[in-house]
Amino acid sequence: MTTLTEPVAPTRVPILELIDVHAAYGRIEVLRGVDLVVPRGAVMALLGANGAGKTTLLRVVSGLMAPTEGHVHLGGVHVNDASPDELTRAGLTMVPEGRGVFPNLSVEENLWVSSYSGQPVERILTEAYTRFPRLKERRRQLAGSLSGGEQQMLSLARALASHPSLLLLDELSMGLAPLIVESLYDSVAEIAEQGVSILVVEQFASSALRVADYAAVMQGGRIVDSGEPGEISDRLSELYFGGSE
């Protein structure tokens, strides 16, 4: 039997597959039979209005919430019962909505904490400062005093410290100015070019579609459409309400 700690499956196997996934908060069902495939090495944009179930889907995928029905496969391995720590060791990392930084630690201390992944601290710092030079300029500054965009850079740098095979991004653009959002999505595109598979959840579609290889739209806890970004963009006005399109 395949286990979570065995080598990843062949490249033809999707990095992530959800099959008829249901999830609920108490008696309130939020995911109602989600089917979703993220090909290995691809950027998948998951779009939908607030309340569509996007964040709940990420919680299920990352092990923070157990599905009530259905199957979650990571690299071909069934992971319904895997803990967040086990999934992280298997190559899955999430940048949560609202950013994931320690506000009372400096930028550099936040990056030092990321060494729990087993990567040498100097390597983590070098990679973070090379990708985001502004973090090097702010390395002694408390993370809580950074701008929203700088905090998001730090969140991405911390997530990449573990060299994930699958990166989950939840509402990367929330509360940020359009120019900052475009810059962050440029970074997402660069990360993908280095071979990291990415599932990015967004309420506002245009930036995510710009860097995506594939896109899917959620409504009412279900995937209601999927395809290439251009196809989805053309149909958004019919499928998706509350976004920027």
C-alpha atoms as a PDB file:
ATOM      1  CA  MET A   1       0.000   0.000   0.000  1.00  0.00           C
ATOM      2  CA  THR A   2       1.240   3.489  -0.833  1.00  0.00           C
ATOM      3  CA  THR A   3       1.973   5.682   2.177  1.00  0.00           C
ATOM      4  CA  LEU A   4       2.413   9.399   2.624  1.00  0.00           C
ATOM      5  CA  THR A   5       6.153   9.048   3.200  1.00  0.00           C
ATOM      6  CA  GLU A   6       6.897   7.098   0.034  1.00  0.00           C
ATOM      7  CA  PRO A   7       8.423   8.845  -3.038  1.00  0.00           C
ATOM      8  CA  VAL A   8       6.030  10.980  -5.022  1.00  0.00           C
ATOM      9  CA  ALA A   9       4.071   9.366  -7.806  1.00  0.00           C
ATOM     10  CA  PRO A  10       5.039   9.616 -11.495  1.00  0.00           C
ATOM     11  CA  THR A  11       4.593  12.962 -13.180  1.00  0.00           C
ATOM     12  CA  ARG A  12       1.437  11.847 -14.973  1.00  0.00           C
ATOM     13  CA  VAL A  13      -0.319  11.603 -11.595  1.00  0.00           C
ATOM     14  CA  PRO A  14      -1.855  14.946 -10.500  1.00  0.00           C
ATOM     15  CA  ILE A  15      -0.182  16.680  -7.588  1.00  0.00           C
ATOM     16  CA  LEU A  16      -3.654  17.113  -6.056  1.00  0.00           C
ATOM     17  CA  GLU A  17      -6.994  15.438  -6.714  1.00  0.00           C
ATOM     18  CA  LEU A  18     -10.284  15.876  -4.881  1.00  0.00           C
ATOM     19  CA  ILE A  19     -13.032  13.359  -5.607  1.00  0.00           C
ATOM     20  CA  ASP A  20     -16.610  14.070  -4.440  1.00  0.00           C
ATOM     21  CA  VAL A  21     -15.372  15.905  -1.352  1.00  0.00           C
ATOM     22  CA  HIS A  22     -17.912  17.060   1.210  1.00  0.00           C
ATOM     23  CA  ALA A  23     -17.197  19.062   4.372  1.00  0.00           C
ATOM     24  CA  ALA A  24     -19.352  20.656   7.048  1.00  0.00           C
ATOM     25  CA  TYR A  25     -19.279  22.881  10.107  1.00  0.00           C
ATOM     26  CA  GLY A  26     -21.619  21.026  12.405  1.00  0.00           C
ATOM     27  CA  ARG A  27     -24.837  20.488  10.470  1.00  0.00           C
ATOM     28  CA  ILE A  28     -24.023  23.130   7.877  1.00  0.00           C
ATOM     29  CA  GLU A  29     -22.561  21.507   4.775  1.00  0.00           C
ATOM     30  CA  VAL A  30     -20.114  23.845   3.004  1.00  0.00           C
ATOM     31  CA  LEU A  31     -18.506  21.585   0.409  1.00  0.00           C
ATOM     32  CA  ARG A  32     -21.079  19.599  -1.551  1.00  0.00           C
ATOM     33  CA  GLY A  33     -19.262  17.149  -3.769  1.00  0.00           C
ATOM     34  CA  VAL A  34     -16.118  18.931  -4.988  1.00  0.00           C
ATOM     35  CA  ASP A  35     -14.168  17.378  -7.853  1.00  0.00           C
ATOM     36  CA  LEU A  36     -10.885  19.141  -8.636  1.00  0.00           C
ATOM     37  CA  VAL A  37      -7.604  18.160 -10.277  1.00  0.00           C
ATOM     38  CA  VAL A  38      -4.378  20.194 -10.056  1.00  0.00           C
ATOM     39  CA  PRO A  39      -1.829  18.861 -12.578  1.00  0.00           C
ATOM     40  CA  ARG A  40       1.749  18.545 -11.404  1.00  0.00           C
ATOM     41  CA  GLY A  41       3.749  21.708 -12.134  1.00  0.00           C
ATOM     42  CA  ALA A  42       0.671  23.818 -12.908  1.00  0.00           C
ATOM     43  CA  VAL A  43      -0.879  26.943 -11.417  1.00  0.00           C
ATOM     44  CA  MET A  44      -4.580  26.446 -10.746  1.00  0.00           C
ATOM     45  CA  ALA A  45      -6.691  29.515  -9.941  1.00  0.00           C
ATOM     46  CA  LEU A  46      -9.739  28.714  -7.822  1.00  0.00           C
ATOM     47  CA  LEU A  47     -12.226  31.574  -8.130  1.00  0.00           C
ATOM     48  CA  GLY A  48     -15.536  32.353  -6.519  1.00  0.00           C
ATOM     49  CA  ALA A  49     -17.442  34.893  -4.487  1.00  0.00           C
ATOM     50  CA  ASN A  50     -17.133  35.226  -0.740  1.00  0.00           C
ATOM     51  CA  GLY A  51     -18.831  32.242   0.886  1.00  0.00           C
ATOM     52  CA  ALA A  52     -18.434  29.917  -2.090  1.00  0.00           C
ATOM     53  CA  GLY A  53     -16.399  27.417  -0.035  1.00  0.00           C
ATOM     54  CA  LYS A  54     -12.893  28.226  -1.292  1.00  0.00           C
ATOM     55  CA  THR A  55     -11.195  28.622   2.088  1.00  0.00           C
ATOM     56  CA  THR A  56     -12.956  25.536   3.456  1.00  0.00           C
ATOM     57  CA  LEU A  57     -11.569  23.581   0.512  1.00  0.00           C
ATOM     58  CA  LEU A  58      -8.039  24.737   1.402  1.00  0.00           C
ATOM     59  CA  ARG A  59      -8.596  23.769   5.041  1.00  0.00           C
ATOM     60  CA  VAL A  60      -9.558  20.271   3.940  1.00  0.00           C
ATOM     61  CA  VAL A  61      -6.601  19.941   1.565  1.00  0.00           C
ATOM     62  CA  SER A  62      -4.133  21.164   4.217  1.00  0.00           C
ATOM     63  CA  GLY A  63      -5.409  18.791   6.898  1.00  0.00           C
ATOM     64  CA  LEU A  64      -6.931  21.477   9.115  1.00  0.00           C
ATOM     65  CA  MET A  65     -10.403  20.066   8.547  1.00  0.00           C
ATOM     66  CA  ALA A  66     -11.522  16.515   7.840  1.00  0.00           C
ATOM     67  CA  PRO A  67     -13.856  15.837   4.912  1.00  0.00           C
ATOM     68  CA  THR A  68     -17.146  14.190   5.799  1.00  0.00           C
ATOM     69  CA  GLU A  69     -17.208  12.315   2.486  1.00  0.00           C
ATOM     70  CA  GLY A  70     -15.006  11.872  -0.560  1.00  0.00           C
ATOM     71  CA  HIS A  71     -11.285  11.496  -1.149  1.00  0.00           C
ATOM     72  CA  VAL A  72      -8.240  13.786  -1.158  1.00  0.00           C
ATOM     73  CA  HIS A  73      -5.134  12.549  -2.976  1.00  0.00           C
ATOM     74  CA  LEU A  74      -1.725  14.233  -2.784  1.00  0.00           C
ATOM     75  CA  GLY A  75       0.610  12.937  -5.477  1.00  0.00           C
ATOM     76  CA  GLY A  76      -1.582   9.873  -5.863  1.00  0.00           C
ATOM     77  CA  VAL A  77      -1.634   9.106  -2.118  1.00  0.00           C
ATOM     78  CA  HIS A  78      -4.885   9.107  -0.134  1.00  0.00           C
ATOM     79  CA  VAL A  79      -4.452  11.750   2.603  1.00  0.00           C
ATOM     80  CA  ASN A  80      -7.903  12.169   4.177  1.00  0.00           C
ATOM     81  CA  ASP A  81      -6.561  11.295   7.622  1.00  0.00           C
ATOM     82  CA  ALA A  82      -3.158  13.001   7.367  1.00  0.00           C
ATOM     83  CA  SER A  83      -2.280  15.714   9.881  1.00  0.00           C
ATOM     84  CA  PRO A  84      -1.057  19.166   8.813  1.00  0.00           C
ATOM     85  CA  ASP A  85       2.474  18.243   9.948  1.00  0.00           C
ATOM     86  CA  GLU A  86       2.449  15.060   7.878  1.00  0.00           C
ATOM     87  CA  LEU A  87       1.228  16.968   4.832  1.00  0.00           C
ATOM     88  CA  THR A  88       3.923  19.601   5.302  1.00  0.00           C
ATOM     89  CA  ARG A  89       6.589  16.898   5.414  1.00  0.00           C
ATOM     90  CA  ALA A  90       5.045  15.441   2.238  1.00  0.00           C
ATOM     91  CA  GLY A  91       5.538  18.765   0.446  1.00  0.00           C
ATOM     92  CA  LEU A  92       2.334  20.772   0.993  1.00  0.00           C
ATOM     93  CA  THR A  93       2.528  24.332   2.370  1.00  0.00           C
ATOM     94  CA  MET A  94      -0.204  26.950   2.767  1.00  0.00           C
ATOM     95  CA  VAL A  95      -0.108  30.751   2.997  1.00  0.00           C
ATOM     96  CA  PRO A  96      -3.356  31.476   4.862  1.00  0.00           C
ATOM     97  CA  GLU A  97      -5.750  34.341   4.363  1.00  0.00           C
ATOM     98  CA  GLY A  98      -4.630  37.357   6.360  1.00  0.00           C
ATOM     99  CA  ARG A  99      -0.924  36.402   6.108  1.00  0.00           C
ATOM    100  CA  GLY A 100       0.981  34.077   8.389  1.00  0.00           C
ATOM    101  CA  VAL A 101       3.664  36.102  10.150  1.00  0.00           C
ATOM    102  CA  PHE A 102       4.652  36.558  13.788  1.00  0.00           C
ATOM    103  CA  PRO A 103       4.036  40.312  14.262  1.00  0.00           C
ATOM    104  CA  ASN A 104       6.228  40.692  17.364  1.00  0.00           C
ATOM    105  CA  LEU A 105       9.266  39.080  15.741  1.00  0.00           C
ATOM    106  CA  SER A 106      11.556  40.769  13.254  1.00  0.00           C
ATOM    107  CA  VAL A 107      11.587  39.802   9.594  1.00  0.00           C
ATOM    108  CA  GLU A 108      14.788  37.836  10.119  1.00  0.00           C
ATOM    109  CA  GLU A 109      13.432  36.114  13.227  1.00  0.00           C
ATOM    110  CA  ASN A 110      10.337  35.079  11.255  1.00  0.00           C
ATOM    111  CA  LEU A 111      12.620  33.491   8.689  1.00  0.00           C
ATOM    112  CA  TRP A 112      14.714  31.825  11.397  1.00  0.00           C
ATOM    113  CA  VAL A 113      11.538  30.174  12.718  1.00  0.00           C
ATOM    114  CA  SER A 114      11.061  28.643   9.268  1.00  0.00           C
ATOM    115  CA  SER A 115      14.189  26.546   9.790  1.00  0.00           C
ATOM    116  CA  TYR A 116      11.955  24.008  11.580  1.00  0.00           C
ATOM    117  CA  SER A 117      11.522  22.595   8.076  1.00  0.00           C
ATOM    118  CA  GLY A 118      15.060  21.282   8.309  1.00  0.00           C
ATOM    119  CA  GLN A 119      16.612  23.740   5.852  1.00  0.00           C
ATOM    120  CA  PRO A 120      19.777  25.593   6.962  1.00  0.00           C
ATOM    121  CA  VAL A 121      19.030  29.109   8.205  1.00  0.00           C
ATOM    122  CA  GLU A 122      21.598  30.737   5.930  1.00  0.00           C
ATOM    123  CA  ARG A 123      20.032  29.077   2.907  1.00  0.00           C
ATOM    124  CA  ILE A 124      16.566  30.268   3.957  1.00  0.00           C
ATOM    125  CA  LEU A 125      17.800  33.840   4.407  1.00  0.00           C
ATOM    126  CA  THR A 126      19.714  33.874   1.135  1.00  0.00           C
ATOM    127  CA  GLU A 127      16.756  32.570  -0.868  1.00  0.00           C
ATOM    128  CA  ALA A 128      14.271  34.923   0.843  1.00  0.00           C
ATOM    129  CA  TYR A 129      16.408  38.034   0.339  1.00  0.00           C
ATOM    130  CA  THR A 130      17.242  37.124  -3.239  1.00  0.00           C
ATOM    131  CA  ARG A 131      13.569  36.697  -4.123  1.00  0.00           C
ATOM    132  CA  PHE A 132      12.364  39.669  -2.062  1.00  0.00           C
ATOM    133  CA  PRO A 133      15.143  42.284  -1.693  1.00  0.00           C
ATOM    134  CA  ARG A 134      12.821  44.525   0.296  1.00  0.00           C
ATOM    135  CA  LEU A 135      12.790  41.955   3.100  1.00  0.00           C
ATOM    136  CA  LYS A 136      16.558  42.306   3.413  1.00  0.00           C
ATOM    137  CA  GLU A 137      16.113  46.062   3.769  1.00  0.00           C
ATOM    138  CA  ARG A 138      13.532  45.443   6.515  1.00  0.00           C
ATOM    139  CA  ARG A 139      15.244  42.458   8.164  1.00  0.00           C
ATOM    140  CA  ARG A 140      15.538  44.126  11.600  1.00  0.00           C
ATOM    141  CA  GLN A 141      11.999  45.528  11.504  1.00  0.00           C
ATOM    142  CA  LEU A 142       9.107  43.925  13.399  1.00  0.00           C
ATOM    143  CA  ALA A 143       6.901  41.997  11.000  1.00  0.00           C
ATOM    144  CA  GLY A 144       3.789  43.623  12.422  1.00  0.00           C
ATOM    145  CA  SER A 145       5.037  47.039  11.353  1.00  0.00           C
ATOM    146  CA  LEU A 146       5.533  46.061   7.706  1.00  0.00           C
ATOM    147  CA  SER A 147       3.116  47.141   5.009  1.00  0.00           C
ATOM    148  CA  GLY A 148       0.518  44.620   3.887  1.00  0.00           C
ATOM    149  CA  GLY A 149       2.455  43.824   0.746  1.00  0.00           C
ATOM    150  CA  GLU A 150       5.702  43.333   2.682  1.00  0.00           C
ATOM    151  CA  GLN A 151       3.951  41.007   5.125  1.00  0.00           C
ATOM    152  CA  GLN A 152       2.675  38.976   2.195  1.00  0.00           C
ATOM    153  CA  MET A 153       6.222  38.777   0.801  1.00  0.00           C
ATOM    154  CA  LEU A 154       7.380  37.495   4.181  1.00  0.00           C
ATOM    155  CA  SER A 155       4.565  34.934   4.265  1.00  0.00           C
ATOM    156  CA  LEU A 156       5.596  33.659   0.838  1.00  0.00           C
ATOM    157  CA  ALA A 157       9.261  33.540   1.830  1.00  0.00           C
ATOM    158  CA  ARG A 158       8.419  31.548   4.959  1.00  0.00           C
ATOM    159  CA  ALA A 159       6.240  29.135   2.991  1.00  0.00           C
ATOM    160  CA  LEU A 160       8.977  28.554   0.412  1.00  0.00           C
ATOM    161  CA  ALA A 161      11.555  27.782   3.101  1.00  0.00           C
ATOM    162  CA  SER A 162      10.392  24.155   3.178  1.00  0.00           C
ATOM    163  CA  HIS A 163      10.774  23.814  -0.622  1.00  0.00           C
ATOM    164  CA  PRO A 164       7.167  22.667  -1.126  1.00  0.00           C
ATOM    165  CA  SER A 165       5.953  20.648  -4.078  1.00  0.00           C
ATOM    166  CA  LEU A 166       2.434  22.118  -3.676  1.00  0.00           C
ATOM    167  CA  LEU A 167       1.805  25.678  -2.478  1.00  0.00           C
ATOM    168  CA  LEU A 168      -1.681  26.778  -1.395  1.00  0.00           C
ATOM    169  CA  LEU A 169      -2.361  30.527  -1.477  1.00  0.00           C
ATOM    170  CA  ASP A 170      -5.525  31.899   0.140  1.00  0.00           C
ATOM    171  CA  GLU A 171      -6.659  35.359  -1.044  1.00  0.00           C
ATOM    172  CA  LEU A 172      -3.185  36.706  -1.772  1.00  0.00           C
ATOM    173  CA  SER A 173      -4.597  40.074  -2.862  1.00  0.00           C
ATOM    174  CA  MET A 174      -6.759  40.786   0.182  1.00  0.00           C
ATOM    175  CA  GLY A 175      -6.466  44.400   1.334  1.00  0.00           C
ATOM    176  CA  LEU A 176      -3.618  45.271  -1.024  1.00  0.00           C
ATOM    177  CA  ALA A 177      -3.275  47.958  -3.670  1.00  0.00           C
ATOM    178  CA  PRO A 178      -3.505  46.757  -7.295  1.00  0.00           C
ATOM    179  CA  LEU A 179       0.166  47.479  -8.092  1.00  0.00           C
ATOM    180  CA  ILE A 180       1.297  45.439  -5.070  1.00  0.00           C
ATOM    181  CA  VAL A 181      -0.999  42.598  -6.092  1.00  0.00           C
ATOM    182  CA  GLU A 182       0.465  42.544  -9.594  1.00  0.00           C
ATOM    183  CA  SER A 183       3.985  42.403  -8.153  1.00  0.00           C
ATOM    184  CA  LEU A 184       3.073  39.527  -5.845  1.00  0.00           C
ATOM    185  CA  TYR A 185       1.553  37.584  -8.726  1.00  0.00           C
ATOM    186  CA  ASP A 186       4.727  38.163 -10.725  1.00  0.00           C
ATOM    187  CA  SER A 187       6.470  36.371  -7.847  1.00  0.00           C
ATOM    188  CA  VAL A 188       3.897  33.576  -8.003  1.00  0.00           C
ATOM    189  CA  ALA A 189       4.672  33.107 -11.700  1.00  0.00           C
ATOM    190  CA  GLU A 190       8.414  32.940 -10.925  1.00  0.00           C
ATOM    191  CA  ILE A 191       7.803  30.362  -8.187  1.00  0.00           C
ATOM    192  CA  ALA A 192       5.802  28.230 -10.611  1.00  0.00           C
ATOM    193  CA  GLU A 193       8.588  28.430 -13.204  1.00  0.00           C
ATOM    194  CA  GLN A 194      10.843  26.750 -10.646  1.00  0.00           C
ATOM    195  CA  GLY A 195       8.572  23.696 -10.622  1.00  0.00           C
ATOM    196  CA  VAL A 196       6.293  24.363  -7.654  1.00  0.00           C
ATOM    197  CA  SER A 197       2.644  23.411  -8.224  1.00  0.00           C
ATOM    198  CA  ILE A 198       0.287  26.135  -6.968  1.00  0.00           C
ATOM    199  CA  LEU A 199      -3.390  26.275  -6.045  1.00  0.00           C
ATOM    200  CA  VAL A 200      -4.342  29.921  -5.564  1.00  0.00           C
ATOM    201  CA  VAL A 201      -7.730  30.906  -4.172  1.00  0.00           C
ATOM    202  CA  GLU A 202      -9.003  34.343  -5.169  1.00  0.00           C
ATOM    203  CA  GLN A 203     -12.230  36.303  -4.999  1.00  0.00           C
ATOM    204  CA  PHE A 204     -10.891  38.852  -7.472  1.00  0.00           C
ATOM    205  CA  ALA A 205     -10.017  37.092 -10.661  1.00  0.00           C
ATOM    206  CA  SER A 206      -7.870  39.096 -13.041  1.00  0.00           C
ATOM    207  CA  SER A 207      -4.440  38.792 -11.398  1.00  0.00           C
ATOM    208  CA  ALA A 208      -4.788  35.084 -10.657  1.00  0.00           C
ATOM    209  CA  LEU A 209      -5.963  34.328 -14.190  1.00  0.00           C
ATOM    210  CA  ARG A 210      -2.963  36.197 -15.589  1.00  0.00           C
ATOM    211  CA  VAL A 211      -0.511  33.644 -14.145  1.00  0.00           C
ATOM    212  CA  ALA A 212      -2.707  30.517 -14.107  1.00  0.00           C
ATOM    213  CA  ASP A 213      -2.449  27.494 -16.382  1.00  0.00           C
ATOM    214  CA  TYR A 214      -5.950  26.363 -15.426  1.00  0.00           C
ATOM    215  CA  ALA A 215      -8.895  27.848 -13.553  1.00  0.00           C
ATOM    216  CA  ALA A 216     -11.990  26.641 -11.768  1.00  0.00           C
ATOM    217  CA  VAL A 217     -15.008  28.470 -10.364  1.00  0.00           C
ATOM    218  CA  MET A 218     -16.812  27.597  -7.123  1.00  0.00           C
ATOM    219  CA  GLN A 219     -20.411  28.391  -6.270  1.00  0.00           C
ATOM    220  CA  GLY A 220     -22.408  27.020  -3.386  1.00  0.00           C
ATOM    221  CA  GLY A 221     -19.717  24.570  -2.345  1.00  0.00           C
ATOM    222  CA  ARG A 222     -19.289  23.000  -5.775  1.00  0.00           C
ATOM    223  CA  ILE A 223     -17.031  23.437  -8.794  1.00  0.00           C
ATOM    224  CA  VAL A 224     -19.358  24.808 -11.457  1.00  0.00           C
ATOM    225  CA  ASP A 225     -16.856  25.327 -14.277  1.00  0.00           C
ATOM    226  CA  SER A 226     -13.201  24.678 -15.095  1.00  0.00           C
ATOM    227  CA  GLY A 227     -10.884  25.131 -18.049  1.00  0.00           C
ATOM    228  CA  GLU A 228      -8.131  27.351 -19.383  1.00  0.00           C
ATOM    229  CA  PRO A 229      -7.946  30.906 -17.995  1.00  0.00           C
ATOM    230  CA  GLY A 230      -9.172  32.569 -21.192  1.00  0.00           C
ATOM    231  CA  GLU A 231     -12.218  30.313 -21.348  1.00  0.00           C
ATOM    232  CA  ILE A 232     -13.089  30.925 -17.709  1.00  0.00           C
ATOM    233  CA  SER A 233     -12.540  34.660 -18.039  1.00  0.00           C
ATOM    234  CA  ASP A 234     -15.041  34.794 -20.907  1.00  0.00           C
ATOM    235  CA  ARG A 235     -17.673  33.037 -18.779  1.00  0.00           C
ATOM    236  CA  LEU A 236     -17.130  34.791 -15.461  1.00  0.00           C
ATOM    237  CA  SER A 237     -19.972  37.253 -15.906  1.00  0.00           C
ATOM    238  CA  GLU A 238     -22.380  34.310 -16.044  1.00  0.00           C
ATOM    239  CA  LEU A 239     -20.711  32.170 -13.354  1.00  0.00           C
ATOM    240  CA  TYR A 240     -19.248  34.448 -10.777  1.00  0.00           C
ATOM    241  CA  PHE A 241     -20.600  37.379  -8.809  1.00  0.00           C
ATOM    242  CA  GLY A 242     -18.759  39.667  -6.390  1.00  0.00           C
ATOM    243  CA  GLY A 243     -15.404  39.791  -8.204  1.00  0.00           C
ATOM    244  CA  SER A 244     -13.658  42.441 -10.213  1.00  0.00           C
ATOM    245  CA  GLU A 245     -14.681  41.195 -13.604  1.00  0.00           C
END
